[in-house]
């Protein structure tokens, strides 16, 4: 089991839309707003690092308004 935290930067006009979309995604465990360089952070639990990458590419970066992401990964013990 691996864990991923994804920092997300959006176009200011899409912050609420991206947040709402991420909250509805069953593959994403938590969504929290931030203040500063990034506007959202999400938590992902997956079976392997490849699955984390798949979620980031297909479920997060593909959303309208997402400008940039930074993914931090680790393992659950």
N, C-alpha and C. Protein backbone atom coordinates (compact mmCIF):
# COMPACT_ATOMS: atom_id res chain seq x y z
N UNK A 1 0.85 -1.18 0.00
CA UNK A 1 0.00 0.00 0.00
C UNK A 1 0.89 1.23 0.00
N UNK A 2 0.59 2.17 -0.89
CA UNK A 2 1.33 3.44 -0.95
C UNK A 2 0.36 4.59 -0.74
N UNK A 3 0.92 5.70 -0.34
CA UNK A 3 0.13 6.89 -0.09
C UNK A 3 0.70 8.03 -0.91
N UNK A 4 -0.14 8.90 -1.39
CA UNK A 4 0.29 10.06 -2.15
C UNK A 4 -0.43 11.30 -1.68
N UNK A 5 0.30 12.37 -1.58
CA UNK A 5 -0.29 13.69 -1.33
C UNK A 5 0.00 14.52 -2.56
N UNK A 6 -1.03 15.10 -3.13
CA UNK A 6 -0.87 15.88 -4.36
C UNK A 6 -1.22 17.33 -4.07
N UNK A 7 -0.24 18.21 -4.27
CA UNK A 7 -0.45 19.65 -4.18
C UNK A 7 -0.93 20.13 -5.54
N UNK A 8 -1.99 20.92 -5.56
CA UNK A 8 -2.62 21.31 -6.81
C UNK A 8 -2.72 22.83 -6.89
N UNK A 9 -2.34 23.36 -8.04
CA UNK A 9 -2.52 24.78 -8.33
C UNK A 9 -3.53 24.89 -9.47
N UNK A 10 -4.52 25.78 -9.30
CA UNK A 10 -5.56 25.94 -10.31
C UNK A 10 -5.63 27.39 -10.78
N UNK A 11 -6.27 27.55 -11.92
CA UNK A 11 -6.66 28.88 -12.37
C UNK A 11 -7.65 29.40 -11.32
N UNK A 12 -7.52 30.66 -10.89
CA UNK A 12 -8.42 31.17 -9.85
C UNK A 12 -9.91 31.02 -10.16
N UNK A 13 -10.28 31.04 -11.41
CA UNK A 13 -11.70 30.93 -11.77
C UNK A 13 -12.23 29.50 -11.60
N UNK A 14 -11.34 28.51 -11.43
CA UNK A 14 -11.74 27.10 -11.38
C UNK A 14 -11.55 26.45 -10.01
N UNK A 15 -11.14 27.21 -9.00
CA UNK A 15 -10.84 26.62 -7.69
C UNK A 15 -12.01 25.80 -7.15
N UNK A 16 -13.19 26.38 -7.13
CA UNK A 16 -14.36 25.69 -6.55
C UNK A 16 -14.79 24.50 -7.41
N UNK A 17 -14.71 24.65 -8.71
CA UNK A 17 -15.08 23.56 -9.62
C UNK A 17 -14.15 22.36 -9.46
N UNK A 18 -12.85 22.61 -9.38
CA UNK A 18 -11.87 21.53 -9.19
C UNK A 18 -12.09 20.88 -7.83
N UNK A 19 -12.28 21.68 -6.80
CA UNK A 19 -12.51 21.15 -5.46
C UNK A 19 -13.73 20.22 -5.45
N UNK A 20 -14.82 20.67 -6.03
CA UNK A 20 -16.06 19.86 -6.06
C UNK A 20 -15.85 18.56 -6.83
N UNK A 21 -15.16 18.62 -7.95
CA UNK A 21 -14.90 17.41 -8.74
C UNK A 21 -14.05 16.41 -7.97
N UNK A 22 -13.03 16.90 -7.29
CA UNK A 22 -12.16 16.01 -6.52
C UNK A 22 -12.89 15.36 -5.35
N UNK A 23 -13.78 16.12 -4.72
CA UNK A 23 -14.55 15.58 -3.59
C UNK A 23 -15.46 14.43 -4.02
N UNK A 24 -15.91 14.44 -5.26
CA UNK A 24 -16.79 13.39 -5.78
C UNK A 24 -16.03 12.15 -6.25
N UNK A 25 -14.72 12.25 -6.40
CA UNK A 25 -13.91 11.16 -6.94
C UNK A 25 -13.64 10.12 -5.85
N UNK A 26 -14.10 8.91 -6.05
CA UNK A 26 -13.96 7.85 -5.05
C UNK A 26 -12.52 7.35 -4.90
N UNK A 27 -11.66 7.66 -5.85
CA UNK A 27 -10.26 7.22 -5.76
C UNK A 27 -9.42 8.19 -4.93
N UNK A 28 -9.99 9.32 -4.57
CA UNK A 28 -9.31 10.32 -3.76
C UNK A 28 -9.90 10.28 -2.35
N UNK A 29 -9.05 10.11 -1.34
CA UNK A 29 -9.51 9.91 0.04
C UNK A 29 -9.86 11.20 0.76
N UNK A 30 -9.07 12.26 0.54
CA UNK A 30 -9.29 13.54 1.23
C UNK A 30 -8.95 14.69 0.30
N UNK A 31 -9.68 15.80 0.47
CA UNK A 31 -9.40 17.03 -0.28
C UNK A 31 -9.45 18.18 0.72
N UNK A 32 -8.40 19.02 0.73
CA UNK A 32 -8.34 20.15 1.65
C UNK A 32 -7.87 21.40 0.91
N UNK A 33 -8.51 22.54 1.18
CA UNK A 33 -8.04 23.80 0.60
C UNK A 33 -6.78 24.29 1.32
N UNK A 34 -5.95 25.01 0.59
CA UNK A 34 -4.73 25.60 1.12
C UNK A 34 -4.67 27.08 0.77
N UNK A 35 -3.76 27.77 1.39
CA UNK A 35 -3.49 29.17 1.05
C UNK A 35 -2.02 29.28 0.73
N UNK A 36 -1.69 29.95 -0.36
CA UNK A 36 -0.29 30.10 -0.73
C UNK A 36 -0.05 29.65 -2.15
N UNK A 37 1.11 29.05 -2.37
CA UNK A 37 1.52 28.65 -3.72
C UNK A 37 0.55 27.64 -4.34
N UNK A 38 0.05 26.71 -3.54
CA UNK A 38 -0.93 25.71 -4.01
C UNK A 38 -2.26 25.97 -3.34
N UNK A 39 -3.34 25.63 -4.02
CA UNK A 39 -4.68 25.94 -3.49
C UNK A 39 -5.40 24.72 -2.93
N UNK A 40 -4.95 23.51 -3.29
CA UNK A 40 -5.57 22.28 -2.79
C UNK A 40 -4.51 21.23 -2.50
N UNK A 41 -4.83 20.35 -1.55
CA UNK A 41 -4.02 19.15 -1.34
C UNK A 41 -4.98 17.97 -1.25
N UNK A 42 -4.62 16.88 -1.92
CA UNK A 42 -5.45 15.68 -1.87
C UNK A 42 -4.61 14.51 -1.37
N UNK A 43 -5.29 13.57 -0.72
CA UNK A 43 -4.64 12.35 -0.24
C UNK A 43 -5.16 11.18 -1.07
N UNK A 44 -4.23 10.34 -1.51
CA UNK A 44 -4.56 9.16 -2.30
C UNK A 44 -3.95 7.93 -1.63
N UNK A 45 -4.73 6.88 -1.47
CA UNK A 45 -4.23 5.58 -1.05
C UNK A 45 -4.35 4.65 -2.25
N UNK A 46 -3.30 3.92 -2.57
CA UNK A 46 -3.32 3.03 -3.73
C UNK A 46 -2.46 1.80 -3.47
N UNK A 47 -2.58 0.82 -4.36
CA UNK A 47 -1.82 -0.42 -4.22
C UNK A 47 -0.35 -0.26 -4.57
N UNK A 48 -0.05 0.65 -5.52
CA UNK A 48 1.34 0.82 -5.95
C UNK A 48 1.55 2.22 -6.51
N UNK A 49 2.82 2.55 -6.75
CA UNK A 49 3.15 3.90 -7.24
C UNK A 49 2.58 4.16 -8.63
N UNK A 50 2.49 3.15 -9.46
CA UNK A 50 1.91 3.32 -10.79
C UNK A 50 0.45 3.76 -10.69
N UNK A 51 -0.28 3.22 -9.73
CA UNK A 51 -1.68 3.62 -9.54
C UNK A 51 -1.79 5.07 -9.10
N UNK A 52 -0.85 5.51 -8.27
CA UNK A 52 -0.83 6.92 -7.86
C UNK A 52 -0.65 7.80 -9.10
N UNK A 53 0.30 7.44 -9.95
CA UNK A 53 0.53 8.20 -11.18
C UNK A 53 -0.68 8.22 -12.08
N UNK A 54 -1.37 7.10 -12.19
CA UNK A 54 -2.58 7.02 -13.00
C UNK A 54 -3.66 7.97 -12.48
N UNK A 55 -3.84 8.02 -11.18
CA UNK A 55 -4.85 8.90 -10.59
C UNK A 55 -4.47 10.36 -10.82
N UNK A 56 -3.19 10.68 -10.63
CA UNK A 56 -2.75 12.07 -10.83
C UNK A 56 -2.97 12.50 -12.28
N UNK A 57 -2.58 11.66 -13.22
CA UNK A 57 -2.70 12.03 -14.63
C UNK A 57 -4.15 12.04 -15.11
N UNK A 58 -4.89 10.98 -14.81
CA UNK A 58 -6.23 10.83 -15.39
C UNK A 58 -7.35 11.48 -14.58
N UNK A 59 -7.19 11.59 -13.26
CA UNK A 59 -8.27 12.11 -12.44
C UNK A 59 -8.04 13.54 -11.95
N UNK A 60 -6.79 13.98 -11.92
CA UNK A 60 -6.50 15.32 -11.40
C UNK A 60 -6.05 16.27 -12.50
N UNK A 61 -4.97 15.93 -13.18
CA UNK A 61 -4.43 16.84 -14.21
C UNK A 61 -5.37 17.04 -15.38
N UNK A 62 -6.28 16.11 -15.58
CA UNK A 62 -7.21 16.22 -16.71
C UNK A 62 -8.37 17.18 -16.43
N UNK A 63 -8.53 17.63 -15.19
CA UNK A 63 -9.64 18.54 -14.86
C UNK A 63 -9.39 19.93 -15.43
N UNK A 64 -10.44 20.54 -15.96
CA UNK A 64 -10.34 21.92 -16.43
C UNK A 64 -9.93 22.83 -15.28
N UNK A 65 -8.95 23.67 -15.52
CA UNK A 65 -8.52 24.64 -14.52
C UNK A 65 -7.30 24.22 -13.73
N UNK A 66 -6.90 22.95 -13.79
CA UNK A 66 -5.69 22.52 -13.07
C UNK A 66 -4.48 22.98 -13.87
N UNK A 67 -3.63 23.75 -13.21
CA UNK A 67 -2.45 24.32 -13.85
C UNK A 67 -1.20 23.50 -13.57
N UNK A 68 -1.05 23.06 -12.31
CA UNK A 68 0.19 22.42 -11.89
C UNK A 68 -0.09 21.49 -10.73
N UNK A 69 0.69 20.40 -10.65
CA UNK A 69 0.61 19.50 -9.49
C UNK A 69 2.02 19.15 -9.03
N UNK A 70 2.11 18.79 -7.77
CA UNK A 70 3.36 18.26 -7.20
C UNK A 70 2.94 17.08 -6.32
N UNK A 71 3.49 15.91 -6.60
CA UNK A 71 3.09 14.69 -5.90
C UNK A 71 4.19 14.23 -4.95
N UNK A 72 3.79 13.98 -3.71
CA UNK A 72 4.68 13.48 -2.67
C UNK A 72 4.20 12.07 -2.32
N UNK A 73 5.09 11.09 -2.32
CA UNK A 73 4.67 9.71 -2.11
C UNK A 73 5.44 9.06 -0.96
N UNK A 74 4.83 8.01 -0.45
CA UNK A 74 5.44 7.21 0.60
C UNK A 74 4.68 5.92 0.74
N UNK A 75 5.07 5.11 1.71
CA UNK A 75 4.39 3.84 1.93
C UNK A 75 3.70 3.85 3.28
N UNK A 76 2.60 3.13 3.38
CA UNK A 76 1.90 2.91 4.65
C UNK A 76 2.49 1.68 5.30
N UNK A 77 2.86 1.79 6.54
CA UNK A 77 3.40 0.61 7.26
C UNK A 77 2.34 0.07 8.17
